[in-house]
Amino acid sequence: MKNKILIIALLVLVVGLSGCVNSDASKINGLAPSINSHLKTGDTAYNQAVYHANRFQFDEALEDCSNATNEFNAAKSSADQALTYAKDSNDNVFVTYIGYLVSEIDAKLNATSELQLAIPYMQQNDTTNANLHRDLANSYMDQAVDYKAKKDAIASQNPSKFK
């Protein structure tokens, strides 16, 4: 009788603890919706900033840059946390993938910063400096696209890890 009670107690304990323990992969998966949402909203705000800047609506463009920066920073915060979980998991696929994600977000933050720097020059009709910063913004966005392509390649090569 004592053995049956001990076995039942042990099973209850194991089942209870298994529900409390999260793997690093599940922690990463838990952060993914937030990261993706902030990236999507940040991309929209950045594109709106470009749209407004190209139409000489500079106040709106600066506001959009601020919104994009806030969204990309929120995504970066979660991505940095995910990178910590990936490193703790010792899974090189996750580490590399999330490393590219962090780099993508950094590139988008840099692009947004450069666009924000270009706008005052645009207002002053200083085309030399405005174009310098706009070209840098474009270069950073090109880098972001490259990092996204690298992420997509990793995901397609590891479908069991990226559902």
C-alpha atoms as a PDB file:
ATOM      1  CA  MET A   1       0.000   0.000   0.000  1.00  0.00           C
ATOM      2  CA  LYS A   2       2.846   2.394   0.874  1.00  0.00           C
ATOM      3  CA  ASN A   3       4.471   1.682  -2.499  1.00  0.00           C
ATOM      4  CA  LYS A   4       1.263   2.609  -4.367  1.00  0.00           C
ATOM      5  CA  ILE A   5       0.930   5.875  -2.448  1.00  0.00           C
ATOM      6  CA  LEU A   6       4.607   6.623  -3.045  1.00  0.00           C
ATOM      7  CA  ILE A   7       4.271   5.916  -6.778  1.00  0.00           C
ATOM      8  CA  ILE A   8       1.140   8.055  -7.063  1.00  0.00           C
ATOM      9  CA  ALA A   9       2.783  10.903  -5.134  1.00  0.00           C
ATOM     10  CA  LEU A  10       5.861  10.655  -7.324  1.00  0.00           C
ATOM     11  CA  LEU A  11       3.751  10.720 -10.502  1.00  0.00           C
ATOM     12  CA  VAL A  12       1.809  13.748  -9.274  1.00  0.00           C
ATOM     13  CA  LEU A  13       5.082  15.490  -8.461  1.00  0.00           C
ATOM     14  CA  VAL A  14       6.627  14.682 -11.859  1.00  0.00           C
ATOM     15  CA  VAL A  15       3.522  15.746 -13.774  1.00  0.00           C
ATOM     16  CA  GLY A  16       3.253  18.930 -11.719  1.00  0.00           C
ATOM     17  CA  LEU A  17       6.882  19.867 -12.232  1.00  0.00           C
ATOM     18  CA  SER A  18       6.823  19.098 -15.934  1.00  0.00           C
ATOM     19  CA  GLY A  19       4.164  21.761 -16.386  1.00  0.00           C
ATOM     20  CA  CYS A  20       6.298  24.300 -14.545  1.00  0.00           C
ATOM     21  CA  VAL A  21       9.507  23.798 -16.484  1.00  0.00           C
ATOM     22  CA  ASN A  22       9.777  25.672 -19.755  1.00  0.00           C
ATOM     23  CA  SER A  23      12.427  24.807 -22.261  1.00  0.00           C
ATOM     24  CA  ASP A  24      14.516  27.570 -23.760  1.00  0.00           C
ATOM     25  CA  ALA A  25      12.864  26.870 -27.121  1.00  0.00           C
ATOM     26  CA  SER A  26       9.409  27.417 -25.649  1.00  0.00           C
ATOM     27  CA  LYS A  27      10.596  30.650 -24.041  1.00  0.00           C
ATOM     28  CA  ILE A  28      11.864  31.801 -27.438  1.00  0.00           C
ATOM     29  CA  ASN A  29       8.578  30.797 -29.057  1.00  0.00           C
ATOM     30  CA  GLY A  30       6.751  32.780 -26.383  1.00  0.00           C
ATOM     31  CA  LEU A  31       8.656  35.936 -27.358  1.00  0.00           C
ATOM     32  CA  ALA A  32       8.221  35.482 -31.118  1.00  0.00           C
ATOM     33  CA  PRO A  33       4.717  37.024 -31.438  1.00  0.00           C
ATOM     34  CA  SER A  34       5.805  40.170 -29.594  1.00  0.00           C
ATOM     35  CA  ILE A  35       8.976  40.512 -31.652  1.00  0.00           C
ATOM     36  CA  ASN A  36       7.105  40.021 -34.912  1.00  0.00           C
ATOM     37  CA  SER A  37       4.362  42.457 -33.945  1.00  0.00           C
ATOM     38  CA  HIS A  38       6.820  45.193 -32.980  1.00  0.00           C
ATOM     39  CA  LEU A  39       8.853  44.613 -36.153  1.00  0.00           C
ATOM     40  CA  LYS A  40       5.757  44.840 -38.341  1.00  0.00           C
ATOM     41  CA  THR A  41       4.545  48.012 -36.624  1.00  0.00           C
ATOM     42  CA  GLY A  42       8.059  49.496 -36.768  1.00  0.00           C
ATOM     43  CA  ASP A  43       8.340  48.703 -40.477  1.00  0.00           C
ATOM     44  CA  THR A  44       5.001  50.399 -41.118  1.00  0.00           C
ATOM     45  CA  ALA A  45       6.045  53.490 -39.156  1.00  0.00           C
ATOM     46  CA  TYR A  46       9.399  53.628 -40.978  1.00  0.00           C
ATOM     47  CA  ASN A  47       7.700  53.369 -44.364  1.00  0.00           C
ATOM     48  CA  GLN A  48       5.292  56.118 -43.333  1.00  0.00           C
ATOM     49  CA  ALA A  49       8.261  58.282 -42.323  1.00  0.00           C
ATOM     50  CA  VAL A  50       9.800  57.809 -45.762  1.00  0.00           C
ATOM     51  CA  TYR A  51       6.456  58.563 -47.398  1.00  0.00           C
ATOM     52  CA  HIS A  52       6.003  61.777 -45.393  1.00  0.00           C
ATOM     53  CA  ALA A  53       9.623  62.876 -45.873  1.00  0.00           C
ATOM     54  CA  ASN A  54       9.306  62.429 -49.645  1.00  0.00           C
ATOM     55  CA  ARG A  55       6.225  64.674 -49.574  1.00  0.00           C
ATOM     56  CA  PHE A  56       7.959  67.342 -47.470  1.00  0.00           C
ATOM     57  CA  GLN A  57       5.692  66.578 -44.491  1.00  0.00           C
ATOM     58  CA  PHE A  58       8.573  66.770 -42.078  1.00  0.00           C
ATOM     59  CA  ASP A  59       6.727  66.945 -38.748  1.00  0.00           C
ATOM     60  CA  GLU A  60       4.806  63.800 -39.638  1.00  0.00           C
ATOM     61  CA  ALA A  61       8.012  62.126 -40.832  1.00  0.00           C
ATOM     62  CA  LEU A  62       9.774  62.883 -37.544  1.00  0.00           C
ATOM     63  CA  GLU A  63       6.807  61.548 -35.571  1.00  0.00           C
ATOM     64  CA  ASP A  64       6.828  58.380 -37.665  1.00  0.00           C
ATOM     65  CA  CYS A  65      10.580  58.002 -37.052  1.00  0.00           C
ATOM     66  CA  SER A  66       9.965  58.270 -33.339  1.00  0.00           C
ATOM     67  CA  ASN A  67       7.236  55.625 -33.526  1.00  0.00           C
ATOM     68  CA  ALA A  68       9.470  53.330 -35.585  1.00  0.00           C
ATOM     69  CA  THR A  69      12.316  53.740 -33.099  1.00  0.00           C
ATOM     70  CA  ASN A  70      10.019  52.870 -30.188  1.00  0.00           C
ATOM     71  CA  GLU A  71       8.729  49.759 -31.957  1.00  0.00           C
ATOM     72  CA  PHE A  72      12.173  48.578 -33.061  1.00  0.00           C
ATOM     73  CA  ASN A  73      13.518  49.119 -29.521  1.00  0.00           C
ATOM     74  CA  ALA A  74      10.665  47.014 -28.112  1.00  0.00           C
ATOM     75  CA  ALA A  75      11.444  44.281 -30.654  1.00  0.00           C
ATOM     76  CA  LYS A  76      15.151  44.488 -29.792  1.00  0.00           C
ATOM     77  CA  SER A  77      14.484  44.124 -26.088  1.00  0.00           C
ATOM     78  CA  SER A  78      12.543  40.905 -26.660  1.00  0.00           C
ATOM     79  CA  ALA A  79      15.053  39.676 -29.254  1.00  0.00           C
ATOM     80  CA  ASP A  80      17.945  40.234 -26.834  1.00  0.00           C
ATOM     81  CA  GLN A  81      16.054  38.169 -24.266  1.00  0.00           C
ATOM     82  CA  ALA A  82      15.442  35.455 -26.877  1.00  0.00           C
ATOM     83  CA  LEU A  83      19.151  35.468 -27.739  1.00  0.00           C
ATOM     84  CA  THR A  84      19.974  34.825 -24.085  1.00  0.00           C
ATOM     85  CA  TYR A  85      17.583  31.859 -24.081  1.00  0.00           C
ATOM     86  CA  ALA A  86      19.105  30.593 -27.325  1.00  0.00           C
ATOM     87  CA  LYS A  87      22.614  30.766 -25.886  1.00  0.00           C
ATOM     88  CA  ASP A  88      21.420  28.973 -22.746  1.00  0.00           C
ATOM     89  CA  SER A  89      19.985  26.217 -24.929  1.00  0.00           C
ATOM     90  CA  ASN A  90      23.368  25.635 -26.620  1.00  0.00           C
ATOM     91  CA  ASP A  91      21.474  25.234 -29.893  1.00  0.00           C
ATOM     92  CA  ASN A  92      23.635  26.797 -32.606  1.00  0.00           C
ATOM     93  CA  VAL A  93      20.701  27.013 -35.028  1.00  0.00           C
ATOM     94  CA  PHE A  94      18.698  29.168 -32.611  1.00  0.00           C
ATOM     95  CA  VAL A  95      21.767  31.212 -31.651  1.00  0.00           C
ATOM     96  CA  THR A  96      22.595  31.976 -35.276  1.00  0.00           C
ATOM     97  CA  TYR A  97      18.971  32.683 -36.249  1.00  0.00           C
ATOM     98  CA  ILE A  98      18.332  35.030 -33.349  1.00  0.00           C
ATOM     99  CA  GLY A  99      21.732  36.637 -33.818  1.00  0.00           C
ATOM    100  CA  TYR A 100      20.637  37.541 -37.349  1.00  0.00           C
ATOM    101  CA  LEU A 101      17.325  38.796 -35.946  1.00  0.00           C
ATOM    102  CA  VAL A 102      19.120  41.111 -33.512  1.00  0.00           C
ATOM    103  CA  SER A 103      21.367  42.334 -36.339  1.00  0.00           C
ATOM    104  CA  GLU A 104      18.310  42.959 -38.522  1.00  0.00           C
ATOM    105  CA  ILE A 105      16.694  45.039 -35.794  1.00  0.00           C
ATOM    106  CA  ASP A 106      19.925  46.966 -35.177  1.00  0.00           C
ATOM    107  CA  ALA A 107      20.117  47.768 -38.897  1.00  0.00           C
ATOM    108  CA  LYS A 108      16.515  49.019 -38.845  1.00  0.00           C
ATOM    109  CA  LEU A 109      17.246  51.170 -35.801  1.00  0.00           C
ATOM    110  CA  ASN A 110      20.289  52.630 -37.572  1.00  0.00           C
ATOM    111  CA  ALA A 111      18.246  53.278 -40.719  1.00  0.00           C
ATOM    112  CA  THR A 112      15.585  55.060 -38.699  1.00  0.00           C
ATOM    113  CA  SER A 113      18.220  57.162 -36.944  1.00  0.00           C
ATOM    114  CA  GLU A 114      19.799  58.156 -40.260  1.00  0.00           C
ATOM    115  CA  LEU A 115      16.416  59.103 -41.715  1.00  0.00           C
ATOM    116  CA  GLN A 116      15.715  61.162 -38.621  1.00  0.00           C
ATOM    117  CA  LEU A 117      19.054  62.944 -39.126  1.00  0.00           C
ATOM    118  CA  ALA A 118      18.260  63.582 -42.798  1.00  0.00           C
ATOM    119  CA  ILE A 119      14.959  65.331 -42.166  1.00  0.00           C
ATOM    120  CA  PRO A 120      16.323  68.596 -40.681  1.00  0.00           C
ATOM    121  CA  TYR A 121      18.737  68.835 -43.616  1.00  0.00           C
ATOM    122  CA  MET A 122      15.806  68.326 -45.964  1.00  0.00           C
ATOM    123  CA  GLN A 123      13.957  71.134 -44.204  1.00  0.00           C
ATOM    124  CA  GLN A 124      16.954  73.428 -44.732  1.00  0.00           C
ATOM    125  CA  ASN A 125      17.315  72.392 -48.385  1.00  0.00           C
ATOM    126  CA  ASP A 126      20.789  71.049 -47.600  1.00  0.00           C
ATOM    127  CA  THR A 127      20.623  68.298 -50.193  1.00  0.00           C
ATOM    128  CA  THR A 128      24.227  67.190 -49.727  1.00  0.00           C
ATOM    129  CA  ASN A 129      23.824  66.265 -46.061  1.00  0.00           C
ATOM    130  CA  ALA A 130      20.226  65.102 -46.511  1.00  0.00           C
ATOM    131  CA  ASN A 131      21.274  62.714 -49.267  1.00  0.00           C
ATOM    132  CA  LEU A 132      24.227  61.476 -47.232  1.00  0.00           C
ATOM    133  CA  HIS A 133      21.926  60.433 -44.376  1.00  0.00           C
ATOM    134  CA  ARG A 134      19.224  59.100 -46.696  1.00  0.00           C
ATOM    135  CA  ASP A 135      21.815  56.975 -48.492  1.00  0.00           C
ATOM    136  CA  LEU A 136      23.009  55.631 -45.140  1.00  0.00           C
ATOM    137  CA  ALA A 137      19.415  54.877 -44.164  1.00  0.00           C
ATOM    138  CA  ASN A 138      18.947  52.959 -47.410  1.00  0.00           C
ATOM    139  CA  SER A 139      22.198  51.085 -46.846  1.00  0.00           C
ATOM    140  CA  TYR A 140      21.116  50.030 -43.363  1.00  0.00           C
ATOM    141  CA  MET A 141      17.752  48.868 -44.683  1.00  0.00           C
ATOM    142  CA  ASP A 142      19.558  46.841 -47.354  1.00  0.00           C
ATOM    143  CA  GLN A 143      21.550  45.206 -44.550  1.00  0.00           C
ATOM    144  CA  ALA A 144      18.311  44.459 -42.693  1.00  0.00           C
ATOM    145  CA  VAL A 145      16.946  42.736 -45.799  1.00  0.00           C
ATOM    146  CA  ASP A 146      20.143  40.661 -46.047  1.00  0.00           C
ATOM    147  CA  TYR A 147      19.842  39.560 -42.408  1.00  0.00           C
ATOM    148  CA  LYS A 148      16.197  38.638 -42.966  1.00  0.00           C
ATOM    149  CA  ALA A 149      17.187  36.522 -45.974  1.00  0.00           C
ATOM    150  CA  LYS A 150      19.771  34.722 -43.828  1.00  0.00           C
ATOM    151  CA  LYS A 151      17.132  34.094 -41.162  1.00  0.00           C
ATOM    152  CA  ASP A 152      14.697  32.781 -43.751  1.00  0.00           C
ATOM    153  CA  ALA A 153      17.353  30.409 -45.117  1.00  0.00           C
ATOM    154  CA  ILE A 154      18.024  29.010 -41.647  1.00  0.00           C
ATOM    155  CA  ALA A 155      14.297  28.561 -41.030  1.00  0.00           C
ATOM    156  CA  SER A 156      13.775  26.766 -44.341  1.00  0.00           C
ATOM    157  CA  GLN A 157      16.756  24.469 -43.651  1.00  0.00           C
ATOM    158  CA  ASN A 158      15.414  23.608 -40.186  1.00  0.00           C
ATOM    159  CA  PRO A 159      11.632  23.262 -40.555  1.00  0.00           C
ATOM    160  CA  SER A 160      11.280  21.184 -37.378  1.00  0.00           C
ATOM    161  CA  LYS A 161      12.614  24.087 -35.300  1.00  0.00           C
ATOM    162  CA  PHE A 162      10.668  26.841 -37.050  1.00  0.00           C
ATOM    163  CA  LYS A 163       6.997  26.108 -37.414  1.00  0.00           C
END
